[in-house]
Amino acid sequence: MGVIPTLVSLLGIHSHNTALTEMCLIAFGNLAELESSKEQFASTNIAEELVRLFRKQTEHDKREMVFEVLAPLAENDVIKLQLVEAGMVECLLEVVSQTVDGEREEDVAQLKTASDLMVLLLLGDESMQKLFEGGKGSVCSSPPPWPSPTSPATKLLELLRRHVDEGNVTVQHAALSALRNLAIPVVNKAKMLSAGVSEVVLQFLQSEMPPVQFKLLGTLRMLIDTQAEAADQLGTNGKLVERLVEWCEAKDHAGVMGESNRLLSALIRHSKSKAVVQAVIQGGGVKHLVTMATSEHMIMQNEALVALGLVAALDLVAAEKDFEGAGLVAVLHKLLSDERSAPEITYNSMILICAVMGSEPLHKEVRALAFMEVVAKLRAHDNKTVSHQASLTEQRLTSQS
């Protein structure tokens, strides 16, 4: 048996012996800095022993010794997962709860250390999955339930609130990542909204850091999925719409640009609200949705077309000039002419063509392009929904030619 397994075993057997425990922790602290040692630690039950030891400590100095071992070890993905499984996150959330309002220097130090360590654990893919497990993991289900002030998820929100102004990008990024994952299960969305998650997330609109921007956009998009009232509320928030339109042009950051487009579309799709549509039109967002319809990603194309269909249905008069300026009719002609277009893209393009024909200038554009020929071919499409819609669209084109 090597030195590391022997020391871990000693710690487990003699954890009541303070002097021996401290000696082991000092040795672990030195060894944990070495990459080769981390692999050896991963093959022991060090995570369980450290979590057990941490739970017993009440004094700041003793906890700090355990933290000094945990921090380097938590950089290893295998040990990250072991620490999560052993209950380390719950311990850290408890520390956050105890120190979040503390004014003593040691409280502030413990809060920072616990936050930083929690960030490390949240940044591991497997450890993150374990924490959330489709809404059933420890962060979601640990009693007391959300949105109780002492639930782990509420503490996570408190942690995020503390870092709005302090500007710790790593903490912001990790906490937003965690909230985004937490917002995916349908059962969590309404609870999170009632707990004020969207209000806290919106405070990060001022951030100039692309990783934070990307995560806040994803978190909001997950929160409003199937939540009409929340989509309506956010979609009529002028500052949010303004920022989204700005980020839709962030060509240097493709992820932020893509997520901004998707959130803009989602606000319309989930609210189905004329007020939201008008806010997006006034904010200059329509042209970005038209561009999104040309995306190489089919999901994004479809989301854009559905949103544009709602814009046309709810306020065609107000959107008319933007549709013209963005070349919407030409985009739809191209999508319908492309044999590689997915059935849903073809279907929603025809729905949109029918919707925009209520506008005289757009109707002229439709007549100027060979839509009849393209749509006639689609009557023979393999997909019955598409072929049926092609027949209806052809009738509409014929009656209004």
Protein backbone atom coordinates (compact mmCIF):
# COMPACT_ATOMS: atom_id res chain seq x y z
CA MET A 1 0.00 0.00 0.00
CA GLY A 2 1.39 3.43 -1.00
CA VAL A 3 1.74 6.52 1.16
CA ILE A 4 -1.53 8.14 0.05
CA PRO A 5 -3.84 5.12 0.63
CA THR A 6 -2.11 4.55 3.99
CA LEU A 7 -2.68 8.15 5.12
CA VAL A 8 -6.32 8.09 3.95
CA SER A 9 -6.84 4.86 5.87
CA LEU A 10 -5.22 6.39 8.99
CA LEU A 11 -7.51 9.41 8.73
CA GLY A 12 -10.57 7.16 8.63
CA ILE A 13 -9.49 5.05 11.59
CA HIS A 14 -8.16 7.86 13.81
CA SER A 15 -10.41 10.79 12.88
CA HIS A 16 -11.03 11.43 16.62
CA ASN A 17 -7.30 12.01 17.15
CA THR A 18 -6.86 15.75 16.52
CA ALA A 19 -3.05 15.74 16.28
CA LEU A 20 -2.97 12.82 13.83
CA THR A 21 -5.82 14.31 11.77
CA GLU A 22 -3.95 17.62 11.43
CA MET A 23 -0.77 15.82 10.44
CA CYS A 24 -2.66 13.90 7.71
CA LEU A 25 -4.27 17.12 6.42
CA ILE A 26 -0.89 18.89 6.20
CA ALA A 27 0.52 15.92 4.26
CA PHE A 28 -2.56 15.81 2.00
CA GLY A 29 -2.25 19.54 1.32
CA ASN A 30 1.30 19.08 0.01
CA LEU A 31 0.54 15.92 -1.96
CA ALA A 32 -2.72 17.22 -3.50
CA GLU A 33 -0.84 19.84 -5.51
CA LEU A 34 0.79 17.10 -7.63
CA GLU A 35 -1.18 15.83 -10.63
CA SER A 36 0.15 12.28 -10.20
CA SER A 37 -1.01 12.29 -6.57
CA LYS A 38 -4.54 13.36 -7.51
CA GLU A 39 -4.94 10.16 -9.53
CA GLN A 40 -3.86 8.13 -6.48
CA PHE A 41 -6.28 10.06 -4.25
CA ALA A 42 -9.07 9.30 -6.74
CA SER A 43 -8.59 5.58 -6.13
CA THR A 44 -9.19 5.98 -2.36
CA ASN A 45 -12.24 7.07 -0.34
CA ILE A 46 -10.63 10.46 0.40
CA ALA A 47 -13.82 12.32 -0.61
CA GLU A 48 -15.95 10.51 1.98
CA GLU A 49 -13.34 10.98 4.70
CA LEU A 50 -12.90 14.70 4.02
CA VAL A 51 -16.65 15.34 3.92
CA ARG A 52 -17.10 13.40 7.18
CA LEU A 53 -14.25 15.37 8.77
CA PHE A 54 -15.59 18.69 7.44
CA ARG A 55 -19.02 18.05 8.95
CA LYS A 56 -17.44 17.56 12.39
CA GLN A 57 -15.51 20.85 12.32
CA THR A 58 -17.03 23.96 13.84
CA GLU A 59 -13.93 26.11 14.21
CA HIS A 60 -12.89 28.32 11.30
CA ASP A 61 -9.20 27.29 11.46
CA LYS A 62 -10.01 23.56 11.35
CA ARG A 63 -12.40 24.00 8.43
CA GLU A 64 -9.77 26.07 6.64
CA MET A 65 -7.32 23.14 6.86
CA VAL A 66 -9.86 20.85 5.18
CA PHE A 67 -10.58 23.51 2.54
CA GLU A 68 -6.88 23.69 1.71
CA VAL A 69 -6.91 19.99 0.82
CA LEU A 70 -10.26 20.09 -0.96
CA ALA A 71 -9.43 22.96 -3.33
CA PRO A 72 -6.58 21.26 -5.27
CA LEU A 73 -8.30 17.85 -5.16
CA ALA A 74 -11.53 19.31 -6.60
CA GLU A 75 -9.65 20.23 -9.78
CA ASN A 76 -9.69 16.51 -10.65
CA ASP A 77 -12.93 15.48 -12.42
CA VAL A 78 -13.06 12.03 -10.80
CA ILE A 79 -12.64 13.49 -7.29
CA LYS A 80 -15.18 16.22 -8.12
CA LEU A 81 -17.78 13.55 -8.75
CA GLN A 82 -16.78 11.66 -5.58
CA LEU A 83 -17.12 14.85 -3.50
CA VAL A 84 -20.58 15.53 -4.92
CA GLU A 85 -21.66 11.95 -4.22
CA ALA A 86 -20.31 12.25 -0.66
CA GLY A 87 -22.46 15.35 0.00
CA MET A 88 -19.85 18.11 -0.21
CA VAL A 89 -22.16 20.57 -1.99
CA GLU A 90 -24.73 20.34 0.80
CA CYS A 91 -21.94 21.08 3.30
CA LEU A 92 -20.83 24.10 1.29
CA LEU A 93 -24.36 25.42 0.96
CA GLU A 94 -24.67 25.13 4.73
CA VAL A 95 -21.51 27.22 5.12
CA VAL A 96 -22.92 29.81 2.71
CA SER A 97 -26.13 29.93 4.75
CA GLN A 98 -24.21 30.40 8.01
CA THR A 99 -21.84 33.07 6.73
CA VAL A 100 -23.77 34.96 4.03
CA ASP A 101 -24.78 37.74 6.42
CA GLY A 102 -21.71 37.53 8.65
CA GLU A 103 -19.54 40.59 9.17
CA ARG A 104 -16.59 38.93 10.90
CA GLU A 105 -13.45 38.57 8.81
CA GLU A 106 -13.49 34.78 9.20
CA ASP A 107 -17.12 34.62 7.97
CA VAL A 108 -16.22 36.56 4.83
CA ALA A 109 -13.19 34.30 4.28
CA GLN A 110 -15.25 31.11 4.73
CA LEU A 111 -17.97 32.38 2.41
CA LYS A 112 -15.44 33.10 -0.33
CA THR A 113 -13.70 29.76 0.08
CA ALA A 114 -16.98 27.81 0.11
CA SER A 115 -18.22 29.72 -2.95
CA ASP A 116 -15.01 29.12 -4.89
CA LEU A 117 -15.05 25.42 -4.05
CA MET A 118 -18.70 25.09 -5.02
CA VAL A 119 -17.86 26.72 -8.36
CA LEU A 120 -15.16 24.10 -8.95
CA LEU A 121 -17.66 21.31 -8.28
CA LEU A 122 -20.33 22.90 -10.50
CA LEU A 123 -17.92 23.19 -13.42
CA GLY A 124 -17.45 19.43 -13.76
CA ASP A 125 -19.77 17.87 -16.37
CA GLU A 126 -20.37 14.62 -14.49
CA SER A 127 -20.55 16.29 -11.08
CA MET A 128 -23.05 18.82 -12.49
CA GLN A 129 -25.21 16.02 -13.90
CA LYS A 130 -25.12 14.24 -10.55
CA LEU A 131 -26.17 17.41 -8.74
CA PHE A 132 -29.19 17.97 -10.94
CA GLU A 133 -30.22 14.55 -12.29
CA GLY A 134 -33.18 15.85 -14.29
CA GLY A 135 -34.50 17.84 -11.37
CA LYS A 136 -34.15 14.99 -8.89
CA GLY A 137 -30.55 15.52 -7.80
CA SER A 138 -29.38 16.87 -4.46
CA VAL A 139 -29.48 20.56 -5.38
CA CYS A 140 -33.11 20.20 -6.54
CA SER A 141 -34.53 17.82 -3.99
CA SER A 142 -32.64 18.36 -0.75
CA PRO A 143 -35.15 19.19 1.98
CA PRO A 144 -36.51 21.70 2.79
CA PRO A 145 -38.13 22.22 -0.62
CA TRP A 146 -37.67 25.17 -2.95
CA PRO A 147 -38.35 28.02 -2.45
CA SER A 148 -37.73 27.64 1.31
CA PRO A 149 -35.03 30.07 2.53
CA THR A 150 -32.87 27.12 3.58
CA SER A 151 -33.16 25.00 0.43
CA PRO A 152 -29.91 24.47 -1.53
CA ALA A 153 -31.34 26.08 -4.66
CA THR A 154 -32.35 29.22 -2.75
CA LYS A 155 -28.87 29.41 -1.26
CA LEU A 156 -27.50 29.18 -4.78
CA LEU A 157 -29.62 32.21 -5.66
CA GLU A 158 -28.26 34.06 -2.61
CA LEU A 159 -24.76 33.27 -3.79
CA LEU A 160 -25.55 34.72 -7.21
CA ARG A 161 -27.06 37.88 -5.68
CA ARG A 162 -23.85 38.49 -3.76
CA HIS A 163 -21.84 38.40 -6.96
CA VAL A 164 -23.90 40.78 -9.09
CA ASP A 165 -21.67 43.74 -8.27
CA GLU A 166 -18.53 42.02 -7.03
CA GLY A 167 -17.83 40.84 -10.56
CA ASN A 168 -16.43 37.37 -9.82
CA VAL A 169 -17.02 36.00 -13.33
CA THR A 170 -16.24 32.40 -12.35
CA VAL A 171 -18.88 32.42 -9.61
CA GLN A 172 -21.41 34.17 -11.87
CA HIS A 173 -20.81 31.68 -14.68
CA ALA A 174 -21.05 28.62 -12.44
CA ALA A 175 -24.14 29.81 -10.55
CA LEU A 176 -25.94 30.70 -13.79
CA SER A 177 -24.95 27.31 -15.24
CA ALA A 178 -26.46 25.62 -12.20
CA LEU A 179 -29.68 27.64 -12.41
CA ARG A 180 -29.98 26.91 -16.13
CA ASN A 181 -29.75 23.17 -15.46
CA LEU A 182 -32.20 23.52 -12.60
CA ALA A 183 -34.67 25.29 -14.93
CA ILE A 184 -34.76 22.44 -17.48
CA PRO A 185 -37.26 20.12 -15.66
CA VAL A 186 -40.81 21.42 -16.19
CA VAL A 187 -41.66 20.89 -12.49
CA ASN A 188 -39.04 23.47 -11.44
CA LYS A 189 -39.89 26.37 -13.76
CA ALA A 190 -42.89 27.90 -11.94
CA LYS A 191 -41.20 27.44 -8.54
CA MET A 192 -38.05 29.17 -9.75
CA LEU A 193 -40.02 32.03 -11.29
CA SER A 194 -42.00 32.57 -8.08
CA ALA A 195 -38.74 32.57 -6.13
CA GLY A 196 -37.51 35.52 -8.20
CA VAL A 197 -34.84 33.77 -10.26
CA SER A 198 -35.57 35.79 -13.42
CA GLU A 199 -35.25 39.08 -11.50
CA VAL A 200 -31.82 38.09 -10.19
CA VAL A 201 -30.65 36.84 -13.59
CA LEU A 202 -31.77 40.10 -15.26
CA GLN A 203 -29.34 42.00 -13.02
CA PHE A 204 -26.54 40.47 -15.09
CA LEU A 205 -27.72 42.18 -18.30
CA GLN A 206 -25.06 44.81 -17.62
CA SER A 207 -22.28 42.18 -17.83
CA GLU A 208 -19.75 42.62 -20.62
CA MET A 209 -18.38 39.08 -20.15
CA PRO A 210 -19.51 36.72 -22.97
CA PRO A 211 -19.47 33.56 -20.76
CA VAL A 212 -21.85 35.25 -18.30
CA GLN A 213 -24.01 36.65 -21.13
CA PHE A 214 -24.28 33.20 -22.70
CA LYS A 215 -25.39 31.53 -19.47
CA LEU A 216 -27.89 34.22 -18.47
CA LEU A 217 -29.53 33.94 -21.92
CA GLY A 218 -29.76 30.16 -21.63
CA THR A 219 -31.16 30.39 -18.10
CA LEU A 220 -33.93 32.80 -19.15
CA ARG A 221 -34.76 30.70 -22.22
CA MET A 222 -35.15 27.57 -20.08
CA LEU A 223 -37.23 29.45 -17.49
CA ILE A 224 -39.84 30.76 -19.95
CA ASP A 225 -40.27 27.49 -21.85
CA THR A 226 -44.05 26.76 -21.63
CA GLN A 227 -44.44 29.66 -19.14
CA ALA A 228 -46.65 32.18 -20.99
CA GLU A 229 -46.97 34.71 -18.18
CA ALA A 230 -43.20 34.86 -17.60
CA ALA A 231 -42.54 35.13 -21.35
CA ASP A 232 -45.04 38.00 -21.54
CA GLN A 233 -43.44 39.78 -18.59
CA LEU A 234 -39.88 39.41 -19.90
CA GLY A 235 -40.87 40.08 -23.51
CA THR A 236 -42.25 43.51 -22.58
CA ASN A 237 -39.11 44.40 -20.60
CA GLY A 238 -37.61 47.13 -22.79
CA LYS A 239 -34.09 46.81 -21.36
CA LEU A 240 -34.00 43.05 -21.98
CA VAL A 241 -35.27 43.37 -25.58
CA GLU A 242 -32.78 46.18 -26.24
CA ARG A 243 -29.89 44.08 -24.92
CA LEU A 244 -31.01 41.01 -26.90
CA VAL A 245 -31.10 42.99 -30.15
CA GLU A 246 -27.63 44.32 -29.35
CA TRP A 247 -26.27 40.83 -28.66
CA CYS A 248 -27.92 39.47 -31.84
CA GLU A 249 -25.16 41.41 -33.61
CA ALA A 250 -22.31 40.02 -31.45
CA LYS A 251 -20.52 38.42 -34.39
CA ASP A 252 -17.35 37.94 -32.33
CA HIS A 253 -19.27 35.67 -29.94
CA ALA A 254 -21.32 33.16 -31.94
CA GLY A 255 -22.71 31.50 -28.80
CA VAL A 256 -24.05 34.77 -27.38
CA MET A 257 -25.44 35.77 -30.78
CA GLY A 258 -27.21 32.41 -31.22
CA GLU A 259 -28.67 32.39 -27.70
CA SER A 260 -29.90 36.00 -28.08
CA ASN A 261 -31.76 35.07 -31.25
CA ARG A 262 -33.24 31.98 -29.61
CA LEU A 263 -34.43 33.92 -26.55
CA LEU A 264 -35.95 36.65 -28.74
CA SER A 265 -37.87 33.96 -30.64
CA ALA A 266 -38.83 32.13 -27.42
CA LEU A 267 -40.34 35.27 -25.87
CA ILE A 268 -42.73 35.52 -28.83
CA ARG A 269 -43.44 31.78 -29.14
CA HIS A 270 -44.21 31.18 -25.48
CA SER A 271 -46.11 34.41 -24.79
CA LYS A 272 -48.11 34.53 -28.07
CA SER A 273 -48.63 38.12 -26.99
CA LYS A 274 -49.24 41.16 -29.21
CA ALA A 275 -47.52 43.35 -26.62
CA VAL A 276 -44.36 41.22 -26.83
CA VAL A 277 -44.50 41.24 -30.64
CA GLN A 278 -44.77 45.04 -30.61
CA ALA A 279 -41.85 45.31 -28.17
CA VAL A 280 -39.68 43.17 -30.47
CA ILE A 281 -40.74 45.19 -33.55
CA GLN A 282 -40.03 48.50 -31.82
CA GLY A 283 -36.72 47.20 -30.53
CA GLY A 284 -35.57 46.27 -34.04
CA GLY A 285 -35.60 42.53 -33.47
CA VAL A 286 -37.56 41.37 -36.53
CA LYS A 287 -34.60 41.51 -38.93
CA HIS A 288 -32.64 39.23 -36.61
CA LEU A 289 -35.45 36.66 -36.61
CA VAL A 290 -35.45 36.72 -40.43
CA THR A 291 -31.68 36.13 -40.42
CA MET A 292 -32.17 33.34 -37.87
CA ALA A 293 -34.52 31.61 -40.34
CA THR A 294 -31.49 31.14 -42.61
CA SER A 295 -29.43 29.46 -39.87
CA GLU A 296 -27.61 26.22 -40.63
CA HIS A 297 -29.25 24.74 -37.52
CA MET A 298 -32.71 23.39 -38.27
CA ILE A 299 -33.98 23.92 -34.71
CA MET A 300 -33.08 27.62 -34.87
CA GLN A 301 -34.62 27.96 -38.33
CA ASN A 302 -37.87 26.47 -37.13
CA GLU A 303 -37.99 28.56 -33.95
CA ALA A 304 -37.51 31.68 -36.08
CA LEU A 305 -40.24 30.75 -38.56
CA VAL A 306 -42.77 30.02 -35.80
CA ALA A 307 -41.97 33.35 -34.13
CA LEU A 308 -42.21 35.22 -37.45
CA GLY A 309 -45.56 33.51 -38.11
CA LEU A 310 -46.84 34.87 -34.79
CA VAL A 311 -45.49 38.35 -35.59
CA ALA A 312 -47.35 38.30 -38.91
CA ALA A 313 -50.54 36.99 -37.30
CA LEU A 314 -50.55 39.42 -34.35
CA ASP A 315 -49.36 42.69 -35.93
CA LEU A 316 -48.59 42.45 -39.66
CA VAL A 317 -49.11 46.18 -40.21
CA ALA A 318 -46.41 47.14 -37.69
CA ALA A 319 -43.99 44.47 -38.96
CA GLU A 320 -44.51 45.11 -42.68
CA LYS A 321 -41.55 47.48 -43.23
CA ASP A 322 -39.19 45.27 -41.23
CA PHE A 323 -40.25 42.21 -43.23
CA GLU A 324 -39.57 44.13 -46.45
CA GLY A 325 -36.25 45.49 -45.27
CA ALA A 326 -35.02 42.05 -44.12
CA GLY A 327 -36.04 40.37 -47.40
CA LEU A 328 -38.39 37.89 -45.71
CA VAL A 329 -40.26 36.87 -48.87
CA ALA A 330 -37.00 36.05 -50.69
CA VAL A 331 -35.82 34.00 -47.69
CA LEU A 332 -39.08 32.00 -47.72
CA HIS A 333 -38.79 31.41 -51.47
CA LYS A 334 -35.28 30.05 -50.97
CA LEU A 335 -36.36 27.76 -48.11
CA LEU A 336 -39.28 26.36 -50.13
CA SER A 337 -37.10 25.84 -53.20
CA ASP A 338 -34.46 23.92 -51.25
CA GLU A 339 -35.17 20.18 -51.43
CA ARG A 340 -32.97 19.66 -48.36
CA SER A 341 -35.31 21.72 -46.13
CA ALA A 342 -36.82 19.64 -43.30
CA PRO A 343 -40.61 19.07 -43.51
CA GLU A 344 -41.31 21.42 -40.57
CA ILE A 345 -39.25 24.19 -42.20
CA THR A 346 -41.19 23.79 -45.45
CA TYR A 347 -44.52 23.65 -43.64
CA ASN A 348 -43.87 26.74 -41.49
CA SER A 349 -42.53 28.68 -44.51
CA MET A 350 -45.83 28.11 -46.32
CA ILE A 351 -47.82 29.13 -43.23
CA LEU A 352 -45.80 32.35 -43.16
CA ILE A 353 -46.31 33.04 -46.87
CA CYS A 354 -50.07 32.81 -46.37
CA ALA A 355 -49.83 35.15 -43.37
CA VAL A 356 -47.83 37.91 -45.11
CA MET A 357 -50.15 38.03 -48.13
CA GLY A 358 -52.43 40.24 -46.06
CA SER A 359 -49.88 43.02 -46.67
CA GLU A 360 -50.04 44.73 -50.09
CA PRO A 361 -46.27 45.37 -50.49
CA LEU A 362 -45.39 41.84 -49.35
CA HIS A 363 -48.12 40.37 -51.56
CA LYS A 364 -46.49 42.14 -54.53
CA GLU A 365 -43.16 40.52 -53.63
CA VAL A 366 -44.84 37.09 -53.47
CA ARG A 367 -46.38 37.61 -56.90
CA ALA A 368 -43.02 38.72 -58.33
CA LEU A 369 -41.33 35.44 -57.36
CA ALA A 370 -42.31 32.04 -58.79
CA PHE A 371 -44.02 30.81 -55.62
CA MET A 372 -46.83 29.04 -57.46
CA GLU A 373 -44.40 26.78 -59.27
CA VAL A 374 -42.49 25.90 -56.09
CA VAL A 375 -45.64 25.25 -54.04
CA ALA A 376 -47.22 23.14 -56.80
CA LYS A 377 -44.23 20.77 -56.62
CA LEU A 378 -44.67 20.45 -52.87
CA ARG A 379 -48.13 18.93 -53.31
CA ALA A 380 -46.30 15.69 -54.13
CA HIS A 381 -44.17 15.87 -50.93
CA ASP A 382 -43.72 12.59 -48.99
CA ASN A 383 -44.92 14.24 -45.79
CA LYS A 384 -48.73 14.42 -45.76
CA THR A 385 -48.84 17.53 -43.57
CA VAL A 386 -46.55 19.34 -46.01
CA SER A 387 -48.46 18.17 -49.12
CA HIS A 388 -51.79 19.22 -47.55
CA GLN A 389 -50.43 22.66 -46.63
CA ALA A 390 -49.05 23.00 -50.19
CA SER A 391 -52.57 22.50 -51.56
CA LEU A 392 -53.98 25.13 -49.19
CA THR A 393 -51.15 27.57 -50.00
CA GLU A 394 -51.66 27.04 -53.72
CA GLN A 395 -55.36 27.83 -53.35
CA ARG A 396 -54.47 31.01 -51.43
CA LEU A 397 -51.96 32.07 -54.08
CA THR A 398 -54.46 31.38 -56.86
CA SER A 399 -57.33 33.24 -55.20
CA GLN A 400 -55.16 36.31 -54.53
CA SER A 401 -53.16 36.37 -57.77
